[in-house]
Amino acid sequence: MNGSNEMPLTAVLARWDAIVIRWDLDPEERSALVGGFRDGPVDDVETYELICGERRMRLIVDLEPVLNKVIGDEERIRGWLRASNSNLGGRSPIGVMASSPEWMSWIIAHLGLAA
């Protein structure tokens, strides 16, 4: 499944904007999910890595249909994203997503939609 890797960035950005609304992401959650900071002062624009942020955004765009398939409606997805999960060491899925693009990739690969 190639997913968003074949999608132009403008389409990814449009889908990201829709996900922000559907998942009711606040500014801190959006920033955490897109990530992309290297070591250095947060207010130093040179520490931001666009490629990392784009990669994370594409993963989230690919993850959304998986969550729709597995969890169902948007309200349940919003709740699941923020709920403490014992399988994740008590962390919320959104917290794990923010710290681990690899976890998002794993979820997509193992629970994802077949082509």
N, C-alpha and C. Protein backbone atom coordinates (compact mmCIF):
# COMPACT_ATOMS: atom_id res chain seq x y z
N MET A 1 0.84 -1.18 0.00
CA MET A 1 0.00 0.00 0.00
C MET A 1 0.88 1.24 0.00
N ASN A 2 0.86 1.99 -1.05
CA ASN A 2 1.66 3.20 -1.15
C ASN A 2 1.00 4.39 -0.48
N GLY A 3 -0.32 4.43 -0.42
CA GLY A 3 -1.04 5.47 0.27
C GLY A 3 -0.65 6.86 -0.19
N SER A 4 -0.38 7.70 0.78
CA SER A 4 -0.14 9.11 0.50
C SER A 4 1.22 9.38 -0.14
N ASN A 5 2.09 8.39 -0.21
CA ASN A 5 3.41 8.63 -0.82
C ASN A 5 3.30 9.04 -2.29
N GLU A 6 2.23 8.62 -2.94
CA GLU A 6 2.02 9.00 -4.34
C GLU A 6 1.18 10.26 -4.48
N MET A 7 0.67 10.76 -3.38
CA MET A 7 -0.21 11.92 -3.38
C MET A 7 0.61 13.21 -3.37
N PRO A 8 0.22 14.20 -4.18
CA PRO A 8 0.94 15.49 -4.11
C PRO A 8 0.77 16.13 -2.73
N LEU A 9 1.74 16.90 -2.34
CA LEU A 9 1.72 17.52 -1.01
C LEU A 9 0.46 18.36 -0.81
N THR A 10 -0.02 19.04 -1.83
CA THR A 10 -1.23 19.85 -1.68
C THR A 10 -2.41 18.99 -1.27
N ALA A 11 -2.53 17.79 -1.81
CA ALA A 11 -3.61 16.87 -1.44
C ALA A 11 -3.43 16.37 -0.01
N VAL A 12 -2.20 16.09 0.38
CA VAL A 12 -1.91 15.66 1.75
C VAL A 12 -2.30 16.76 2.73
N LEU A 13 -1.94 17.99 2.40
CA LEU A 13 -2.27 19.12 3.27
C LEU A 13 -3.79 19.30 3.41
N ALA A 14 -4.51 19.11 2.33
CA ALA A 14 -5.97 19.21 2.38
C ALA A 14 -6.56 18.12 3.26
N ARG A 15 -6.05 16.90 3.14
CA ARG A 15 -6.54 15.79 3.98
C ARG A 15 -6.16 16.02 5.44
N TRP A 16 -4.94 16.53 5.66
CA TRP A 16 -4.51 16.85 7.03
C TRP A 16 -5.47 17.87 7.65
N ASP A 17 -5.80 18.93 6.92
CA ASP A 17 -6.72 19.94 7.44
C ASP A 17 -8.06 19.32 7.82
N ALA A 18 -8.55 18.39 7.02
CA ALA A 18 -9.82 17.72 7.31
C ALA A 18 -9.69 16.83 8.56
N ILE A 19 -8.56 16.16 8.71
CA ILE A 19 -8.32 15.32 9.88
C ILE A 19 -8.27 16.17 11.14
N VAL A 20 -7.63 17.31 11.07
CA VAL A 20 -7.55 18.22 12.22
C VAL A 20 -8.96 18.55 12.72
N ILE A 21 -9.86 18.78 11.80
CA ILE A 21 -11.25 19.10 12.18
C ILE A 21 -11.96 17.86 12.72
N ARG A 22 -11.87 16.74 11.99
CA ARG A 22 -12.57 15.53 12.42
C ARG A 22 -12.08 15.01 13.76
N TRP A 23 -10.78 15.07 14.00
CA TRP A 23 -10.22 14.59 15.25
C TRP A 23 -10.23 15.66 16.34
N ASP A 24 -10.65 16.89 15.99
CA ASP A 24 -10.72 18.01 16.93
C ASP A 24 -9.36 18.24 17.61
N LEU A 25 -8.32 18.29 16.79
CA LEU A 25 -6.96 18.45 17.31
C LEU A 25 -6.72 19.90 17.73
N ASP A 26 -6.24 20.08 18.95
CA ASP A 26 -5.89 21.43 19.39
C ASP A 26 -4.49 21.77 18.87
N PRO A 27 -4.08 23.03 18.99
CA PRO A 27 -2.77 23.42 18.44
C PRO A 27 -1.60 22.61 18.97
N GLU A 28 -1.63 22.27 20.26
CA GLU A 28 -0.53 21.49 20.84
C GLU A 28 -0.49 20.08 20.26
N GLU A 29 -1.66 19.48 20.08
CA GLU A 29 -1.72 18.14 19.49
C GLU A 29 -1.24 18.16 18.04
N ARG A 30 -1.67 19.17 17.29
CA ARG A 30 -1.22 19.28 15.89
C ARG A 30 0.29 19.39 15.83
N SER A 31 0.84 20.25 16.66
CA SER A 31 2.29 20.45 16.67
C SER A 31 3.03 19.18 17.07
N ALA A 32 2.50 18.49 18.09
CA ALA A 32 3.15 17.25 18.55
C ALA A 32 3.09 16.18 17.47
N LEU A 33 1.95 16.06 16.78
CA LEU A 33 1.80 15.02 15.77
C LEU A 33 2.69 15.26 14.56
N VAL A 34 2.81 16.50 14.15
CA VAL A 34 3.65 16.80 12.98
C VAL A 34 5.12 16.76 13.36
N GLY A 35 5.42 17.16 14.60
CA GLY A 35 6.79 17.07 15.10
C GLY A 35 7.79 17.74 14.19
N GLY A 36 8.94 17.12 14.07
CA GLY A 36 9.94 17.59 13.14
C GLY A 36 10.99 18.50 13.71
N PHE A 37 11.23 18.46 15.01
CA PHE A 37 12.26 19.30 15.59
C PHE A 37 13.52 18.49 15.86
N ARG A 38 14.64 19.12 15.56
CA ARG A 38 15.93 18.55 15.93
C ARG A 38 16.33 19.16 17.26
N ASP A 39 17.43 18.73 17.82
CA ASP A 39 17.93 19.35 19.04
C ASP A 39 18.23 20.81 18.78
N GLY A 40 17.89 21.64 19.73
CA GLY A 40 18.13 23.07 19.62
C GLY A 40 16.94 23.84 20.14
N PRO A 41 17.05 25.12 20.22
CA PRO A 41 15.95 25.94 20.75
C PRO A 41 14.70 25.78 19.89
N VAL A 42 13.55 25.62 20.56
CA VAL A 42 12.29 25.43 19.86
C VAL A 42 11.96 26.64 19.00
N ASP A 43 12.35 27.84 19.44
CA ASP A 43 12.01 29.03 18.67
C ASP A 43 12.99 29.30 17.53
N ASP A 44 13.95 28.43 17.34
CA ASP A 44 14.93 28.57 16.26
C ASP A 44 14.42 27.81 15.04
N VAL A 45 13.97 28.55 14.05
CA VAL A 45 13.35 27.94 12.87
C VAL A 45 14.30 26.95 12.18
N GLU A 46 15.57 27.11 12.35
CA GLU A 46 16.53 26.20 11.72
C GLU A 46 16.50 24.80 12.31
N THR A 47 15.86 24.64 13.48
CA THR A 47 15.79 23.30 14.07
C THR A 47 14.61 22.51 13.52
N TYR A 48 13.77 23.14 12.72
CA TYR A 48 12.60 22.46 12.18
C TYR A 48 12.97 21.68 10.93
N GLU A 49 12.55 20.45 10.86
CA GLU A 49 12.85 19.62 9.70
C GLU A 49 11.57 19.37 8.93
N LEU A 50 11.41 20.05 7.80
CA LEU A 50 10.21 19.95 6.99
C LEU A 50 9.95 18.53 6.53
N ILE A 51 10.99 17.83 6.12
CA ILE A 51 10.80 16.48 5.60
C ILE A 51 10.21 15.57 6.67
N CYS A 52 10.67 15.70 7.89
CA CYS A 52 10.14 14.89 8.99
C CYS A 52 8.67 15.23 9.21
N GLY A 53 8.32 16.51 9.20
CA GLY A 53 6.94 16.93 9.37
C GLY A 53 6.06 16.43 8.24
N GLU A 54 6.55 16.49 7.03
CA GLU A 54 5.78 15.98 5.89
C GLU A 54 5.58 14.48 6.01
N ARG A 55 6.60 13.76 6.41
CA ARG A 55 6.50 12.30 6.57
C ARG A 55 5.43 11.96 7.61
N ARG A 56 5.45 12.66 8.74
CA ARG A 56 4.47 12.41 9.79
C ARG A 56 3.05 12.73 9.30
N MET A 57 2.91 13.81 8.57
CA MET A 57 1.61 14.19 8.05
C MET A 57 1.09 13.11 7.10
N ARG A 58 1.97 12.60 6.25
CA ARG A 58 1.57 11.53 5.32
C ARG A 58 1.18 10.26 6.08
N LEU A 59 1.89 9.95 7.16
CA LEU A 59 1.53 8.79 7.97
C LEU A 59 0.14 8.95 8.58
N ILE A 60 -0.15 10.14 9.08
CA ILE A 60 -1.46 10.38 9.69
C ILE A 60 -2.56 10.29 8.64
N VAL A 61 -2.29 10.80 7.44
CA VAL A 61 -3.26 10.69 6.34
C VAL A 61 -3.49 9.22 6.00
N ASP A 62 -2.46 8.40 6.05
CA ASP A 62 -2.61 6.96 5.79
C ASP A 62 -3.26 6.24 6.97
N LEU A 63 -3.05 6.73 8.18
CA LEU A 63 -3.60 6.10 9.37
C LEU A 63 -5.10 6.34 9.51
N GLU A 64 -5.58 7.49 9.09
CA GLU A 64 -6.99 7.82 9.30
C GLU A 64 -7.95 6.76 8.75
N PRO A 65 -7.80 6.30 7.50
CA PRO A 65 -8.75 5.28 7.04
C PRO A 65 -8.64 3.96 7.80
N VAL A 66 -7.47 3.67 8.35
CA VAL A 66 -7.31 2.46 9.17
C VAL A 66 -8.13 2.61 10.44
N LEU A 67 -8.03 3.77 11.09
CA LEU A 67 -8.82 4.00 12.30
C LEU A 67 -10.31 3.99 12.00
N ASN A 68 -10.69 4.55 10.86
CA ASN A 68 -12.10 4.52 10.47
C ASN A 68 -12.58 3.08 10.31
N LYS A 69 -11.74 2.24 9.73
CA LYS A 69 -12.11 0.83 9.51
C LYS A 69 -12.18 0.07 10.83
N VAL A 70 -11.21 0.28 11.70
CA VAL A 70 -11.11 -0.51 12.92
C VAL A 70 -12.02 0.02 14.04
N ILE A 71 -12.07 1.32 14.20
CA ILE A 71 -12.80 1.91 15.33
C ILE A 71 -14.20 2.36 14.91
N GLY A 72 -14.32 2.89 13.74
CA GLY A 72 -15.65 3.30 13.29
C GLY A 72 -15.85 4.79 13.28
N ASP A 73 -16.80 5.26 14.07
CA ASP A 73 -17.21 6.67 13.95
C ASP A 73 -16.21 7.63 14.57
N GLU A 74 -16.33 8.89 14.17
CA GLU A 74 -15.37 9.92 14.55
C GLU A 74 -15.34 10.19 16.04
N GLU A 75 -16.48 10.14 16.69
CA GLU A 75 -16.52 10.39 18.13
C GLU A 75 -15.72 9.33 18.88
N ARG A 76 -15.87 8.08 18.49
CA ARG A 76 -15.11 7.00 19.13
C ARG A 76 -13.62 7.14 18.84
N ILE A 77 -13.26 7.56 17.63
CA ILE A 77 -11.85 7.77 17.28
C ILE A 77 -11.28 8.88 18.15
N ARG A 78 -11.99 10.01 18.27
CA ARG A 78 -11.51 11.12 19.11
C ARG A 78 -11.29 10.65 20.54
N GLY A 79 -12.21 9.86 21.07
CA GLY A 79 -12.05 9.36 22.43
C GLY A 79 -10.87 8.42 22.56
N TRP A 80 -10.74 7.49 21.60
CA TRP A 80 -9.64 6.53 21.62
C TRP A 80 -8.29 7.23 21.55
N LEU A 81 -8.18 8.25 20.71
CA LEU A 81 -6.91 8.96 20.55
C LEU A 81 -6.39 9.53 21.86
N ARG A 82 -7.29 9.94 22.74
CA ARG A 82 -6.90 10.66 23.95
C ARG A 82 -6.98 9.81 25.23
N ALA A 83 -7.50 8.61 25.13
CA ALA A 83 -7.67 7.76 26.32
C ALA A 83 -6.37 7.08 26.70
N SER A 84 -6.15 6.97 28.00
CA SER A 84 -5.01 6.22 28.51
C SER A 84 -5.19 4.76 28.09
N ASN A 85 -4.12 4.14 27.62
CA ASN A 85 -4.21 2.78 27.10
C ASN A 85 -3.16 1.91 27.79
N SER A 86 -3.61 0.90 28.50
CA SER A 86 -2.67 0.03 29.23
C SER A 86 -1.71 -0.69 28.28
N ASN A 87 -2.14 -0.97 27.06
CA ASN A 87 -1.26 -1.61 26.08
C ASN A 87 -0.14 -0.68 25.61
N LEU A 88 -0.29 0.59 25.90
CA LEU A 88 0.72 1.58 25.52
C LEU A 88 1.41 2.16 26.76
N GLY A 89 1.46 1.36 27.81
CA GLY A 89 2.12 1.80 29.04
C GLY A 89 1.39 2.94 29.72
N GLY A 90 0.07 3.01 29.54
CA GLY A 90 -0.72 4.06 30.15
C GLY A 90 -0.76 5.35 29.36
N ARG A 91 -0.05 5.39 28.26
CA ARG A 91 -0.06 6.59 27.43
C ARG A 91 -1.26 6.56 26.50
N SER A 92 -1.59 7.71 25.96
CA SER A 92 -2.68 7.79 24.98
C SER A 92 -2.11 7.49 23.59
N PRO A 93 -2.94 6.97 22.70
CA PRO A 93 -2.46 6.75 21.33
C PRO A 93 -1.93 8.02 20.68
N ILE A 94 -2.57 9.15 20.93
CA ILE A 94 -2.09 10.39 20.31
C ILE A 94 -0.69 10.75 20.84
N GLY A 95 -0.43 10.44 22.11
CA GLY A 95 0.89 10.67 22.67
C GLY A 95 1.94 9.77 22.05
N VAL A 96 1.57 8.51 21.83
CA VAL A 96 2.50 7.57 21.19
C VAL A 96 2.73 7.98 19.73
N MET A 97 1.66 8.38 19.05
CA MET A 97 1.80 8.83 17.65
C MET A 97 2.76 10.01 17.56
N ALA A 98 2.69 10.91 18.53
CA ALA A 98 3.55 12.10 18.52
C ALA A 98 5.01 11.74 18.72
N SER A 99 5.26 10.68 19.49
CA SER A 99 6.66 10.33 19.77
C SER A 99 7.21 9.23 18.87
N SER A 100 6.33 8.55 18.12
CA SER A 100 6.82 7.40 17.35
C SER A 100 6.14 7.26 15.99
N PRO A 101 6.74 7.84 14.95
CA PRO A 101 6.22 7.59 13.61
C PRO A 101 6.26 6.10 13.26
N GLU A 102 7.20 5.39 13.87
CA GLU A 102 7.33 3.95 13.61
C GLU A 102 6.09 3.21 14.10
N TRP A 103 5.51 3.64 15.22
CA TRP A 103 4.30 3.01 15.73
C TRP A 103 3.16 3.22 14.73
N MET A 104 3.05 4.44 14.19
CA MET A 104 2.00 4.70 13.19
C MET A 104 2.21 3.79 11.98
N SER A 105 3.44 3.65 11.53
CA SER A 105 3.74 2.76 10.40
C SER A 105 3.35 1.33 10.70
N TRP A 106 3.62 0.88 11.92
CA TRP A 106 3.29 -0.47 12.32
C TRP A 106 1.78 -0.69 12.29
N ILE A 107 1.02 0.26 12.84
CA ILE A 107 -0.44 0.17 12.85
C ILE A 107 -0.97 0.11 11.42
N ILE A 108 -0.46 0.95 10.56
CA ILE A 108 -0.90 0.98 9.16
C ILE A 108 -0.60 -0.36 8.49
N ALA A 109 0.59 -0.88 8.72
CA ALA A 109 1.01 -2.14 8.09
C ALA A 109 0.22 -3.33 8.60
N HIS A 110 -0.10 -3.35 9.89
CA HIS A 110 -0.72 -4.54 10.48
C HIS A 110 -2.24 -4.48 10.56
N LEU A 111 -2.79 -3.30 10.56
CA LEU A 111 -4.25 -3.17 10.61
C LEU A 111 -4.80 -2.47 9.38
N GLY A 112 -3.89 -2.10 8.47
CA GLY A 112 -4.25 -1.28 7.32
C GLY A 112 -5.17 -1.93 6.32
N LEU A 113 -5.62 -1.11 5.46
CA LEU A 113 -6.50 -1.54 4.38
C LEU A 113 -5.70 -2.23 3.29
N ALA A 114 -6.22 -3.30 2.78
CA ALA A 114 -5.56 -3.94 1.63
C ALA A 114 -5.79 -3.07 0.41
N ALA A 115 -4.82 -3.12 -0.49
CA ALA A 115 -4.89 -2.30 -1.70
C ALA A 115 -6.10 -2.55 -2.46
